[in-house]
Amino acid sequence: MKKVFLAVSLSFAFCVTAFSQAVVPAVDKSPLDISYYPNNYTLLKIQDKLTEPLMARVIYSRPQKNNRAIFGDLIEFGKVWRLGANEATEIDFFRNVIIGGKTVSKGTYVIYCIPEPDKWTIVLNSNLYTWGLHTDTSKDVMRTEVPVQRQSPALEDFTMVFMDEPGGAGLLMAWDNVKTVLPINFSKKSIANSQ
């Protein structure tokens, strides 16, 4: 019995020692976030309160302003920005959609932008699962321009969230004193007419 107790004790001590030496990553300063359309999709699903199917999802990391000048300084005008931090921001469409008058097939894309003071060029790209922004423009699926709007007060955390719009949704992208909306059309009739 003493031998069994000793063996169990040694095994436990080994496990505790091994766990205490494991490297636990530090908390990220730009936490991962996910937005769905319809909003609160996962919560509605588990509550069995869905009234419409899942249309889109965006996965991104949320950098903070931290008293920095953002657009025109940290994020340079005319240069590619990954719409967030860390891994490339990805957007999923669960059916074909229309963006900027162009049909985009259902699937997953990297979404990034080229910001300017008065507009952003939004780009969808098929070069998935990358860190940062390693763009291969030959894999760009579409580009469209959206106007920039000013907002006050300034927003501390970069935010992406879907909003209801007639025939689809708008992907709101906002940070600091700037916001813009990417219109996304889910209408079957519009998609059929665009093909």
N, C-alpha and C. Protein backbone atom coordinates (compact mmCIF):
# COMPACT_ATOMS: atom_id res chain seq x y z
N MET A 1 0.82 -1.18 0.00
CA MET A 1 0.00 0.00 0.00
C MET A 1 0.87 1.26 0.00
N LYS A 2 1.99 1.22 0.77
CA LYS A 2 2.89 2.36 0.82
C LYS A 2 3.50 2.62 -0.55
N LYS A 3 3.79 1.51 -1.31
CA LYS A 3 4.39 1.66 -2.63
C LYS A 3 3.41 2.33 -3.60
N VAL A 4 2.13 1.96 -3.51
CA VAL A 4 1.11 2.57 -4.36
C VAL A 4 0.97 4.05 -4.03
N PHE A 5 0.91 4.36 -2.73
CA PHE A 5 0.79 5.75 -2.31
C PHE A 5 1.99 6.57 -2.78
N LEU A 6 3.19 6.01 -2.66
CA LEU A 6 4.41 6.69 -3.08
C LEU A 6 4.38 6.93 -4.60
N ALA A 7 3.93 5.93 -5.37
CA ALA A 7 3.88 6.05 -6.83
C ALA A 7 2.88 7.14 -7.24
N VAL A 8 1.71 7.16 -6.60
CA VAL A 8 0.70 8.18 -6.90
C VAL A 8 1.22 9.57 -6.53
N SER A 9 1.87 9.68 -5.40
CA SER A 9 2.41 10.97 -4.94
C SER A 9 3.47 11.49 -5.90
N LEU A 10 4.36 10.60 -6.35
CA LEU A 10 5.41 11.01 -7.29
C LEU A 10 4.81 11.43 -8.63
N SER A 11 3.80 10.69 -9.09
CA SER A 11 3.14 11.05 -10.35
C SER A 11 2.48 12.43 -10.25
N PHE A 12 1.83 12.68 -9.13
CA PHE A 12 1.18 13.98 -8.91
C PHE A 12 2.22 15.09 -8.88
N ALA A 13 3.31 14.86 -8.17
CA ALA A 13 4.38 15.87 -8.07
C ALA A 13 4.97 16.16 -9.45
N PHE A 14 5.15 15.12 -10.25
CA PHE A 14 5.68 15.30 -11.61
C PHE A 14 4.72 16.14 -12.45
N CYS A 15 3.42 15.86 -12.37
CA CYS A 15 2.42 16.61 -13.15
C CYS A 15 2.39 18.08 -12.72
N VAL A 16 2.43 18.34 -11.42
CA VAL A 16 2.42 19.71 -10.92
C VAL A 16 3.66 20.45 -11.40
N THR A 17 4.82 19.80 -11.32
CA THR A 17 6.07 20.42 -11.76
C THR A 17 6.03 20.71 -13.26
N ALA A 18 5.55 19.76 -14.05
CA ALA A 18 5.48 19.95 -15.51
C ALA A 18 4.53 21.09 -15.85
N PHE A 19 3.38 21.16 -15.17
CA PHE A 19 2.41 22.22 -15.45
C PHE A 19 2.97 23.58 -15.07
N SER A 20 3.68 23.65 -13.94
CA SER A 20 4.21 24.93 -13.49
C SER A 20 5.29 25.45 -14.42
N GLN A 21 5.91 24.57 -15.21
CA GLN A 21 6.94 24.99 -16.15
C GLN A 21 6.36 25.30 -17.53
N ALA A 22 5.07 25.03 -17.74
CA ALA A 22 4.45 25.31 -19.03
C ALA A 22 4.42 26.81 -19.26
N VAL A 23 4.62 27.20 -20.50
CA VAL A 23 4.63 28.62 -20.85
C VAL A 23 3.20 29.03 -21.17
N VAL A 24 2.67 29.94 -20.38
CA VAL A 24 1.33 30.47 -20.61
C VAL A 24 1.50 31.83 -21.26
N PRO A 25 0.91 32.03 -22.45
CA PRO A 25 1.10 33.31 -23.12
C PRO A 25 0.48 34.45 -22.33
N ALA A 26 1.09 35.62 -22.47
CA ALA A 26 0.55 36.81 -21.82
C ALA A 26 -0.77 37.20 -22.47
N VAL A 27 -1.57 37.92 -21.75
CA VAL A 27 -2.84 38.39 -22.30
C VAL A 27 -2.53 39.37 -23.43
N ASP A 28 -3.18 39.16 -24.56
CA ASP A 28 -2.94 39.99 -25.74
C ASP A 28 -3.49 41.39 -25.53
N LYS A 29 -2.75 42.41 -25.96
CA LYS A 29 -3.21 43.79 -25.84
C LYS A 29 -4.30 44.10 -26.86
N SER A 30 -4.41 43.27 -27.89
CA SER A 30 -5.44 43.44 -28.92
C SER A 30 -6.27 42.16 -28.99
N PRO A 31 -7.26 42.04 -28.11
CA PRO A 31 -8.00 40.78 -28.01
C PRO A 31 -8.80 40.46 -29.27
N LEU A 32 -8.97 39.17 -29.50
CA LEU A 32 -9.75 38.67 -30.62
C LEU A 32 -11.23 38.92 -30.37
N ASP A 33 -11.95 39.29 -31.43
CA ASP A 33 -13.39 39.49 -31.33
C ASP A 33 -14.05 38.93 -32.59
N ILE A 34 -15.32 38.60 -32.47
CA ILE A 34 -16.10 38.06 -33.59
C ILE A 34 -17.44 38.78 -33.62
N SER A 35 -17.84 39.22 -34.80
CA SER A 35 -19.17 39.80 -34.99
C SER A 35 -19.92 38.96 -36.00
N TYR A 36 -21.21 38.76 -35.75
CA TYR A 36 -22.07 37.96 -36.62
C TYR A 36 -23.19 38.80 -37.19
N TYR A 37 -23.69 38.36 -38.34
CA TYR A 37 -24.97 38.85 -38.83
C TYR A 37 -25.83 37.63 -39.13
N PRO A 38 -26.99 37.51 -38.48
CA PRO A 38 -27.59 38.48 -37.57
C PRO A 38 -26.80 38.60 -36.27
N ASN A 39 -26.90 39.81 -35.67
CA ASN A 39 -26.20 40.06 -34.41
C ASN A 39 -26.68 39.08 -33.35
N ASN A 40 -25.76 38.72 -32.47
CA ASN A 40 -26.04 37.77 -31.37
C ASN A 40 -26.45 36.40 -31.90
N TYR A 41 -25.98 36.03 -33.08
CA TYR A 41 -26.40 34.77 -33.71
C TYR A 41 -26.20 33.56 -32.78
N THR A 42 -25.02 33.45 -32.18
CA THR A 42 -24.74 32.27 -31.36
C THR A 42 -25.65 32.20 -30.14
N LEU A 43 -25.91 33.35 -29.52
CA LEU A 43 -26.81 33.38 -28.36
C LEU A 43 -28.23 33.03 -28.78
N LEU A 44 -28.70 33.62 -29.88
CA LEU A 44 -30.04 33.31 -30.38
C LEU A 44 -30.18 31.83 -30.74
N LYS A 45 -29.09 31.26 -31.27
CA LYS A 45 -29.12 29.85 -31.67
C LYS A 45 -29.33 28.94 -30.46
N ILE A 46 -28.56 29.18 -29.38
CA ILE A 46 -28.70 28.29 -28.22
C ILE A 46 -30.01 28.53 -27.48
N GLN A 47 -30.61 29.71 -27.67
CA GLN A 47 -31.90 30.00 -27.05
C GLN A 47 -33.06 29.59 -27.96
N ASP A 48 -32.73 29.04 -29.14
CA ASP A 48 -33.73 28.62 -30.13
C ASP A 48 -34.65 29.79 -30.51
N LYS A 49 -34.03 30.98 -30.74
CA LYS A 49 -34.79 32.18 -31.08
C LYS A 49 -34.40 32.76 -32.43
N LEU A 50 -33.75 31.95 -33.27
CA LEU A 50 -33.33 32.45 -34.58
C LEU A 50 -34.54 32.71 -35.47
N THR A 51 -34.51 33.85 -36.16
CA THR A 51 -35.57 34.17 -37.11
C THR A 51 -35.02 34.28 -38.53
N GLU A 52 -33.69 34.27 -38.67
CA GLU A 52 -33.07 34.32 -39.99
C GLU A 52 -31.75 33.54 -39.94
N PRO A 53 -31.30 33.06 -41.10
CA PRO A 53 -30.08 32.24 -41.12
C PRO A 53 -28.82 33.09 -40.94
N LEU A 54 -27.73 32.41 -40.60
CA LEU A 54 -26.43 33.07 -40.49
C LEU A 54 -26.00 33.53 -41.87
N MET A 55 -25.67 34.81 -41.99
CA MET A 55 -25.29 35.40 -43.27
C MET A 55 -23.80 35.73 -43.35
N ALA A 56 -23.24 36.28 -42.25
CA ALA A 56 -21.86 36.73 -42.30
C ALA A 56 -21.25 36.74 -40.90
N ARG A 57 -19.91 36.67 -40.89
CA ARG A 57 -19.15 36.72 -39.64
C ARG A 57 -17.81 37.37 -39.95
N VAL A 58 -17.33 38.20 -39.03
CA VAL A 58 -16.00 38.79 -39.17
C VAL A 58 -15.21 38.47 -37.90
N ILE A 59 -13.95 38.06 -38.08
CA ILE A 59 -13.06 37.69 -36.98
C ILE A 59 -11.85 38.62 -37.05
N TYR A 60 -11.61 39.35 -35.96
CA TYR A 60 -10.54 40.36 -35.98
C TYR A 60 -10.00 40.60 -34.58
N SER A 61 -8.85 41.23 -34.50
CA SER A 61 -8.29 41.64 -33.22
C SER A 61 -8.49 43.14 -33.05
N ARG A 62 -8.72 43.57 -31.79
CA ARG A 62 -9.13 44.94 -31.49
C ARG A 62 -8.01 45.76 -30.85
N PRO A 63 -7.22 46.49 -31.65
CA PRO A 63 -6.22 47.38 -31.03
C PRO A 63 -6.89 48.55 -30.33
N GLN A 64 -6.17 49.15 -29.40
CA GLN A 64 -6.67 50.30 -28.64
C GLN A 64 -5.94 51.58 -29.07
N LYS A 65 -6.61 52.69 -28.88
CA LYS A 65 -6.06 54.00 -29.23
C LYS A 65 -4.87 54.36 -28.32
N ASN A 66 -5.03 54.17 -27.02
CA ASN A 66 -3.95 54.44 -26.05
C ASN A 66 -3.29 55.80 -26.25
N ASN A 67 -4.09 56.84 -26.38
CA ASN A 67 -3.61 58.22 -26.52
C ASN A 67 -2.76 58.46 -27.77
N ARG A 68 -2.89 57.58 -28.76
CA ARG A 68 -2.13 57.75 -29.99
C ARG A 68 -2.98 58.43 -31.06
N ALA A 69 -2.34 59.15 -31.97
CA ALA A 69 -3.02 59.64 -33.17
C ALA A 69 -3.11 58.46 -34.12
N ILE A 70 -4.31 58.12 -34.58
CA ILE A 70 -4.48 56.88 -35.35
C ILE A 70 -4.36 57.14 -36.85
N PHE A 71 -5.40 57.70 -37.47
CA PHE A 71 -5.42 57.81 -38.93
C PHE A 71 -4.59 58.99 -39.40
N GLY A 72 -3.70 58.70 -40.34
CA GLY A 72 -2.76 59.70 -40.83
C GLY A 72 -1.46 59.67 -40.07
N ASP A 73 -1.38 58.85 -39.02
CA ASP A 73 -0.17 58.74 -38.21
C ASP A 73 0.17 57.27 -38.00
N LEU A 74 -0.43 56.64 -36.99
CA LEU A 74 -0.20 55.20 -36.77
C LEU A 74 -0.64 54.40 -38.00
N ILE A 75 -1.82 54.69 -38.50
CA ILE A 75 -2.33 54.10 -39.74
C ILE A 75 -2.12 55.14 -40.83
N GLU A 76 -1.15 54.90 -41.70
CA GLU A 76 -0.78 55.88 -42.72
C GLU A 76 -1.79 55.89 -43.86
N PHE A 77 -2.12 57.09 -44.32
CA PHE A 77 -3.00 57.22 -45.48
C PHE A 77 -2.30 56.68 -46.72
N GLY A 78 -3.09 56.00 -47.56
CA GLY A 78 -2.57 55.48 -48.81
C GLY A 78 -1.81 54.18 -48.70
N LYS A 79 -1.68 53.64 -47.46
CA LYS A 79 -0.98 52.36 -47.27
C LYS A 79 -1.96 51.32 -46.74
N VAL A 80 -1.69 50.08 -47.08
CA VAL A 80 -2.56 48.97 -46.70
C VAL A 80 -2.62 48.82 -45.18
N TRP A 81 -3.84 48.63 -44.65
CA TRP A 81 -4.05 48.36 -43.22
C TRP A 81 -4.90 47.10 -43.09
N ARG A 82 -4.58 46.26 -42.13
CA ARG A 82 -5.24 44.95 -41.97
C ARG A 82 -6.58 44.98 -41.25
N LEU A 83 -7.11 46.17 -40.96
CA LEU A 83 -8.38 46.29 -40.24
C LEU A 83 -8.35 45.55 -38.91
N GLY A 84 -7.39 45.90 -38.10
CA GLY A 84 -7.25 45.28 -36.79
C GLY A 84 -5.79 45.11 -36.45
N ALA A 85 -5.50 44.05 -35.70
CA ALA A 85 -4.14 43.76 -35.27
C ALA A 85 -3.91 42.25 -35.38
N ASN A 86 -2.66 41.84 -35.19
CA ASN A 86 -2.29 40.43 -35.13
C ASN A 86 -2.60 39.70 -36.43
N GLU A 87 -3.35 38.60 -36.37
CA GLU A 87 -3.64 37.84 -37.59
C GLU A 87 -4.49 38.66 -38.54
N ALA A 88 -4.41 38.29 -39.82
CA ALA A 88 -5.22 38.98 -40.82
C ALA A 88 -6.70 38.84 -40.46
N THR A 89 -7.44 39.93 -40.61
CA THR A 89 -8.87 39.93 -40.34
C THR A 89 -9.58 39.12 -41.42
N GLU A 90 -10.51 38.26 -41.01
CA GLU A 90 -11.23 37.41 -41.96
C GLU A 90 -12.72 37.67 -41.89
N ILE A 91 -13.35 37.60 -43.05
CA ILE A 91 -14.80 37.73 -43.13
C ILE A 91 -15.34 36.50 -43.84
N ASP A 92 -16.42 35.93 -43.28
CA ASP A 92 -17.10 34.77 -43.87
C ASP A 92 -18.45 35.20 -44.39
N PHE A 93 -18.78 34.75 -45.59
CA PHE A 93 -20.13 34.91 -46.13
C PHE A 93 -20.70 33.51 -46.28
N PHE A 94 -21.90 33.31 -45.75
CA PHE A 94 -22.53 31.99 -45.75
C PHE A 94 -23.51 31.83 -46.91
N ARG A 95 -23.53 32.82 -47.79
CA ARG A 95 -24.25 32.76 -49.05
C ARG A 95 -23.63 33.82 -49.96
N ASN A 96 -23.92 33.77 -51.23
CA ASN A 96 -23.41 34.80 -52.14
C ASN A 96 -23.98 36.15 -51.72
N VAL A 97 -23.16 37.20 -51.87
CA VAL A 97 -23.57 38.56 -51.51
C VAL A 97 -23.16 39.50 -52.64
N ILE A 98 -23.67 40.73 -52.56
CA ILE A 98 -23.25 41.77 -53.48
C ILE A 98 -22.61 42.88 -52.66
N ILE A 99 -21.39 43.27 -53.07
CA ILE A 99 -20.67 44.37 -52.43
C ILE A 99 -20.17 45.28 -53.55
N GLY A 100 -20.50 46.55 -53.46
CA GLY A 100 -20.05 47.50 -54.48
C GLY A 100 -20.49 47.12 -55.88
N GLY A 101 -21.68 46.52 -56.00
CA GLY A 101 -22.20 46.13 -57.30
C GLY A 101 -21.61 44.84 -57.85
N LYS A 102 -20.75 44.17 -57.08
CA LYS A 102 -20.11 42.94 -57.55
C LYS A 102 -20.57 41.76 -56.70
N THR A 103 -20.83 40.64 -57.36
CA THR A 103 -21.21 39.43 -56.64
C THR A 103 -19.95 38.80 -56.03
N VAL A 104 -20.04 38.48 -54.74
CA VAL A 104 -18.97 37.81 -54.02
C VAL A 104 -19.51 36.45 -53.61
N SER A 105 -18.83 35.39 -54.02
CA SER A 105 -19.28 34.02 -53.71
C SER A 105 -19.15 33.74 -52.22
N LYS A 106 -20.04 32.90 -51.72
CA LYS A 106 -19.95 32.52 -50.31
C LYS A 106 -18.58 31.90 -50.07
N GLY A 107 -18.05 32.15 -48.87
CA GLY A 107 -16.72 31.66 -48.53
C GLY A 107 -16.05 32.57 -47.53
N THR A 108 -14.78 32.32 -47.29
CA THR A 108 -13.99 33.07 -46.33
C THR A 108 -12.94 33.88 -47.07
N TYR A 109 -12.77 35.14 -46.64
CA TYR A 109 -11.82 36.05 -47.28
C TYR A 109 -11.08 36.84 -46.21
N VAL A 110 -9.86 37.25 -46.53
CA VAL A 110 -9.17 38.27 -45.74
C VAL A 110 -9.77 39.59 -46.18
N ILE A 111 -10.06 40.46 -45.22
CA ILE A 111 -10.57 41.79 -45.54
C ILE A 111 -9.56 42.81 -45.00
N TYR A 112 -9.17 43.73 -45.87
CA TYR A 112 -8.27 44.79 -45.47
C TYR A 112 -8.67 46.07 -46.17
N CYS A 113 -7.98 47.17 -45.87
CA CYS A 113 -8.34 48.43 -46.50
C CYS A 113 -7.12 49.28 -46.79
N ILE A 114 -7.35 50.27 -47.64
CA ILE A 114 -6.37 51.33 -47.90
C ILE A 114 -7.08 52.63 -47.50
N PRO A 115 -6.77 53.16 -46.30
CA PRO A 115 -7.48 54.34 -45.82
C PRO A 115 -6.94 55.64 -46.44
N GLU A 116 -7.84 56.55 -46.67
CA GLU A 116 -7.55 57.92 -47.08
C GLU A 116 -8.38 58.83 -46.17
N PRO A 117 -8.11 60.13 -46.14
CA PRO A 117 -8.87 61.00 -45.24
C PRO A 117 -10.37 61.00 -45.51
N ASP A 118 -10.80 60.84 -46.77
CA ASP A 118 -12.22 60.94 -47.11
C ASP A 118 -12.87 59.63 -47.54
N LYS A 119 -12.08 58.58 -47.74
CA LYS A 119 -12.63 57.28 -48.18
C LYS A 119 -11.66 56.16 -47.82
N TRP A 120 -12.21 54.96 -47.74
CA TRP A 120 -11.40 53.75 -47.60
C TRP A 120 -11.66 52.87 -48.80
N THR A 121 -10.62 52.25 -49.33
CA THR A 121 -10.78 51.20 -50.33
C THR A 121 -10.77 49.88 -49.57
N ILE A 122 -11.90 49.18 -49.61
CA ILE A 122 -12.03 47.89 -48.93
C ILE A 122 -11.70 46.79 -49.93
N VAL A 123 -10.87 45.84 -49.49
CA VAL A 123 -10.40 44.77 -50.37
C VAL A 123 -10.71 43.42 -49.73
N LEU A 124 -11.24 42.49 -50.54
CA LEU A 124 -11.37 41.09 -50.13
C LEU A 124 -10.30 40.31 -50.87
N ASN A 125 -9.64 39.40 -50.15
CA ASN A 125 -8.51 38.66 -50.70
C ASN A 125 -8.62 37.20 -50.28
N SER A 126 -8.19 36.29 -51.12
CA SER A 126 -8.32 34.86 -50.81
C SER A 126 -7.08 34.25 -50.17
N ASN A 127 -6.09 35.06 -49.79
CA ASN A 127 -4.87 34.56 -49.14
C ASN A 127 -5.12 34.41 -47.64
N LEU A 128 -5.67 33.27 -47.25
CA LEU A 128 -6.14 33.05 -45.87
C LEU A 128 -5.04 32.59 -44.92
N TYR A 129 -5.38 32.69 -43.62
CA TYR A 129 -4.60 32.14 -42.51
C TYR A 129 -3.18 32.72 -42.47
N THR A 130 -3.11 34.04 -42.43
CA THR A 130 -1.82 34.71 -42.37
C THR A 130 -1.75 35.62 -41.16
N TRP A 131 -0.53 35.89 -40.72
CA TRP A 131 -0.30 36.83 -39.64
C TRP A 131 -0.06 38.20 -40.23
N GLY A 132 -0.59 39.21 -39.60
CA GLY A 132 -0.36 40.56 -40.10
C GLY A 132 -1.03 40.76 -41.43
N LEU A 133 -0.33 41.36 -42.33
CA LEU A 133 -0.91 41.62 -43.64
C LEU A 133 0.10 41.25 -44.71
N HIS A 134 0.03 40.03 -45.17
CA HIS A 134 0.89 39.54 -46.24
C HIS A 134 0.02 39.44 -47.48
N THR A 135 -0.20 40.56 -48.11
CA THR A 135 -1.12 40.59 -49.23
C THR A 135 -0.43 40.14 -50.51
N ASP A 136 -1.17 39.35 -51.24
CA ASP A 136 -0.79 38.97 -52.60
C ASP A 136 -1.92 39.53 -53.45
N THR A 137 -1.70 40.70 -54.05
CA THR A 137 -2.79 41.38 -54.76
C THR A 137 -3.34 40.54 -55.91
N SER A 138 -2.59 39.54 -56.37
CA SER A 138 -3.12 38.66 -57.42
C SER A 138 -4.28 37.82 -56.88
N LYS A 139 -4.42 37.77 -55.53
CA LYS A 139 -5.51 37.02 -54.91
C LYS A 139 -6.65 37.93 -54.44
N ASP A 140 -6.59 39.21 -54.81
CA ASP A 140 -7.70 40.10 -54.50
C ASP A 140 -8.94 39.64 -55.26
N VAL A 141 -10.04 39.55 -54.55
CA VAL A 141 -11.31 39.11 -55.13
C VAL A 141 -12.14 40.31 -55.58
N MET A 142 -12.09 41.38 -54.80
CA MET A 142 -12.83 42.60 -55.15
C MET A 142 -12.32 43.78 -54.35
N ARG A 143 -12.56 44.97 -54.90
CA ARG A 143 -12.26 46.24 -54.23
C ARG A 143 -13.45 47.15 -54.39
N THR A 144 -13.72 47.92 -53.35
CA THR A 144 -14.77 48.93 -53.44
C THR A 144 -14.42 50.07 -52.50
N GLU A 145 -14.93 51.24 -52.78
CA GLU A 145 -14.67 52.41 -51.94
C GLU A 145 -15.88 52.73 -51.09
N VAL A 146 -15.61 53.15 -49.84
CA VAL A 146 -16.67 53.59 -48.93
C VAL A 146 -16.26 54.92 -48.32
N PRO A 147 -17.23 55.83 -48.12
CA PRO A 147 -16.88 57.15 -47.57
C PRO A 147 -16.57 57.09 -46.08
N VAL A 148 -15.71 57.99 -45.66
CA VAL A 148 -15.34 58.14 -44.25
C VAL A 148 -16.25 59.16 -43.61
N GLN A 149 -16.66 58.87 -42.38
CA GLN A 149 -17.45 59.81 -41.59
C GLN A 149 -16.70 60.10 -40.29
N ARG A 150 -16.90 61.27 -39.74
CA ARG A 150 -16.29 61.63 -38.46
C ARG A 150 -17.26 61.24 -37.35
N GLN A 151 -16.71 60.90 -36.19
CA GLN A 151 -17.54 60.57 -35.04
C GLN A 151 -16.94 61.20 -33.79
N SER A 152 -17.82 61.48 -32.85
CA SER A 152 -17.40 62.03 -31.58
C SER A 152 -18.36 61.51 -30.51
N PRO A 153 -17.86 61.06 -29.39
CA PRO A 153 -16.46 61.07 -28.97
C PRO A 153 -15.65 60.01 -29.70
N ALA A 154 -14.33 60.09 -29.56
CA ALA A 154 -13.43 59.12 -30.18
C ALA A 154 -13.64 57.75 -29.54
N LEU A 155 -13.49 56.71 -30.35
CA LEU A 155 -13.67 55.33 -29.90
C LEU A 155 -12.30 54.75 -29.53
N GLU A 156 -12.16 54.26 -28.31
CA GLU A 156 -10.88 53.75 -27.82
C GLU A 156 -10.47 52.45 -28.52
N ASP A 157 -11.41 51.51 -28.69
CA ASP A 157 -11.10 50.21 -29.28
C ASP A 157 -11.59 50.13 -30.71
N PHE A 158 -10.75 49.65 -31.61
CA PHE A 158 -11.20 49.41 -32.98
C PHE A 158 -12.36 48.42 -32.93
N THR A 159 -13.43 48.72 -33.66
CA THR A 159 -14.65 47.92 -33.59
C THR A 159 -15.19 47.63 -34.98
N MET A 160 -15.62 46.38 -35.18
CA MET A 160 -16.32 45.97 -36.38
C MET A 160 -17.61 45.29 -35.94
N VAL A 161 -18.73 45.76 -36.47
CA VAL A 161 -20.02 45.18 -36.09
C VAL A 161 -20.99 45.34 -37.25
N PHE A 162 -21.84 44.34 -37.44
CA PHE A 162 -22.85 44.39 -38.49
C PHE A 162 -24.07 45.15 -38.01
N MET A 163 -24.64 45.95 -38.92
CA MET A 163 -25.86 46.70 -38.63
C MET A 163 -26.90 46.32 -39.66
N ASP A 164 -28.17 46.33 -39.25
CA ASP A 164 -29.25 46.06 -40.20
C ASP A 164 -29.32 47.17 -41.24
N GLU A 165 -29.50 46.77 -42.50
CA GLU A 165 -29.74 47.71 -43.59
C GLU A 165 -30.73 47.05 -44.54
N PRO A 166 -31.52 47.82 -45.27
CA PRO A 166 -32.48 47.23 -46.21
C PRO A 166 -31.78 46.31 -47.20
N GLY A 167 -32.26 45.08 -47.31
CA GLY A 167 -31.69 44.12 -48.26
C GLY A 167 -30.42 43.45 -47.79
N GLY A 168 -29.97 43.75 -46.57
CA GLY A 168 -28.74 43.13 -46.10
C GLY A 168 -28.24 43.73 -44.81
N ALA A 169 -26.95 44.07 -44.81
CA ALA A 169 -26.31 44.60 -43.59
C ALA A 169 -25.24 45.58 -43.99
N GLY A 170 -24.83 46.38 -43.02
CA GLY A 170 -23.67 47.24 -43.19
C GLY A 170 -22.64 46.80 -42.18
N LEU A 171 -21.40 46.63 -42.62
CA LEU A 171 -20.32 46.31 -41.70
C LEU A 171 -19.71 47.63 -41.24
N LEU A 172 -20.03 48.03 -40.00
CA LEU A 172 -19.49 49.24 -39.42
C LEU A 172 -18.06 48.98 -38.97
N MET A 173 -17.14 49.84 -39.38
CA MET A 173 -15.73 49.77 -38.96
C MET A 173 -15.41 51.13 -38.35
N ALA A 174 -15.05 51.16 -37.07
CA ALA A 174 -14.88 52.44 -36.38
C ALA A 174 -13.71 52.38 -35.41
N TRP A 175 -12.99 53.52 -35.38
CA TRP A 175 -11.88 53.65 -34.42
C TRP A 175 -11.53 55.12 -34.33
N ASP A 176 -11.14 55.55 -33.14
CA ASP A 176 -10.76 56.93 -32.91
C ASP A 176 -11.93 57.83 -33.32
N ASN A 177 -11.71 58.81 -34.16
CA ASN A 177 -12.79 59.72 -34.55
C ASN A 177 -13.29 59.44 -35.97
N VAL A 178 -13.08 58.21 -36.46
CA VAL A 178 -13.42 57.83 -37.83
C VAL A 178 -14.32 56.60 -37.83
N LYS A 179 -15.30 56.60 -38.74
CA LYS A 179 -16.10 55.40 -38.96
C LYS A 179 -16.46 55.32 -40.43
N THR A 180 -16.71 54.10 -40.88
CA THR A 180 -17.15 53.87 -42.25
C THR A 180 -18.00 52.61 -42.25
N VAL A 181 -18.84 52.47 -43.27
CA VAL A 181 -19.75 51.33 -43.34
C VAL A 181 -19.63 50.70 -44.72
N LEU A 182 -19.44 49.38 -44.74
CA LEU A 182 -19.41 48.61 -45.98
C LEU A 182 -20.79 47.99 -46.20
N PRO A 183 -21.56 48.46 -47.22
CA PRO A 183 -22.88 47.85 -47.48
C PRO A 183 -22.73 46.46 -48.09
N ILE A 184 -23.48 45.50 -47.55
CA ILE A 184 -23.48 44.12 -48.03
C ILE A 184 -24.92 43.73 -48.33
N ASN A 185 -25.20 43.36 -49.57
CA ASN A 185 -26.55 43.01 -49.98
C ASN A 185 -26.71 41.49 -49.99
N PHE A 186 -27.72 40.99 -49.25
CA PHE A 186 -28.01 39.56 -49.18
C PHE A 186 -29.18 39.17 -50.07
N SER A 187 -29.79 40.12 -50.76
CA SER A 187 -31.00 39.87 -51.52
C SER A 187 -30.79 38.86 -52.64
N LYS A 188 -31.58 37.79 -52.64
CA LYS A 188 -31.47 36.77 -53.70
C LYS A 188 -31.77 37.38 -55.06
N LYS A 189 -32.74 38.27 -55.12
CA LYS A 189 -33.12 38.89 -56.40
C LYS A 189 -31.96 39.72 -56.94
N SER A 190 -31.33 40.53 -56.09
CA SER A 190 -30.22 41.37 -56.55
C SER A 190 -29.05 40.52 -57.03
N ILE A 191 -28.77 39.41 -56.31
CA ILE A 191 -27.66 38.53 -56.68
C ILE A 191 -27.96 37.87 -58.02
N ALA A 192 -29.20 37.42 -58.22
CA ALA A 192 -29.57 36.79 -59.49
C ALA A 192 -29.44 37.78 -60.64
N ASN A 193 -29.82 39.04 -60.42
CA ASN A 193 -29.72 40.06 -61.46
C ASN A 193 -28.30 40.46 -61.78
N SER A 194 -27.36 40.27 -60.83
CA SER A 194 -25.99 40.69 -61.04
C SER A 194 -25.17 39.63 -61.78
N GLN A 195 -25.71 38.43 -61.92
CA GLN A 195 -24.94 37.34 -62.53
C GLN A 195 -25.19 37.24 -64.02
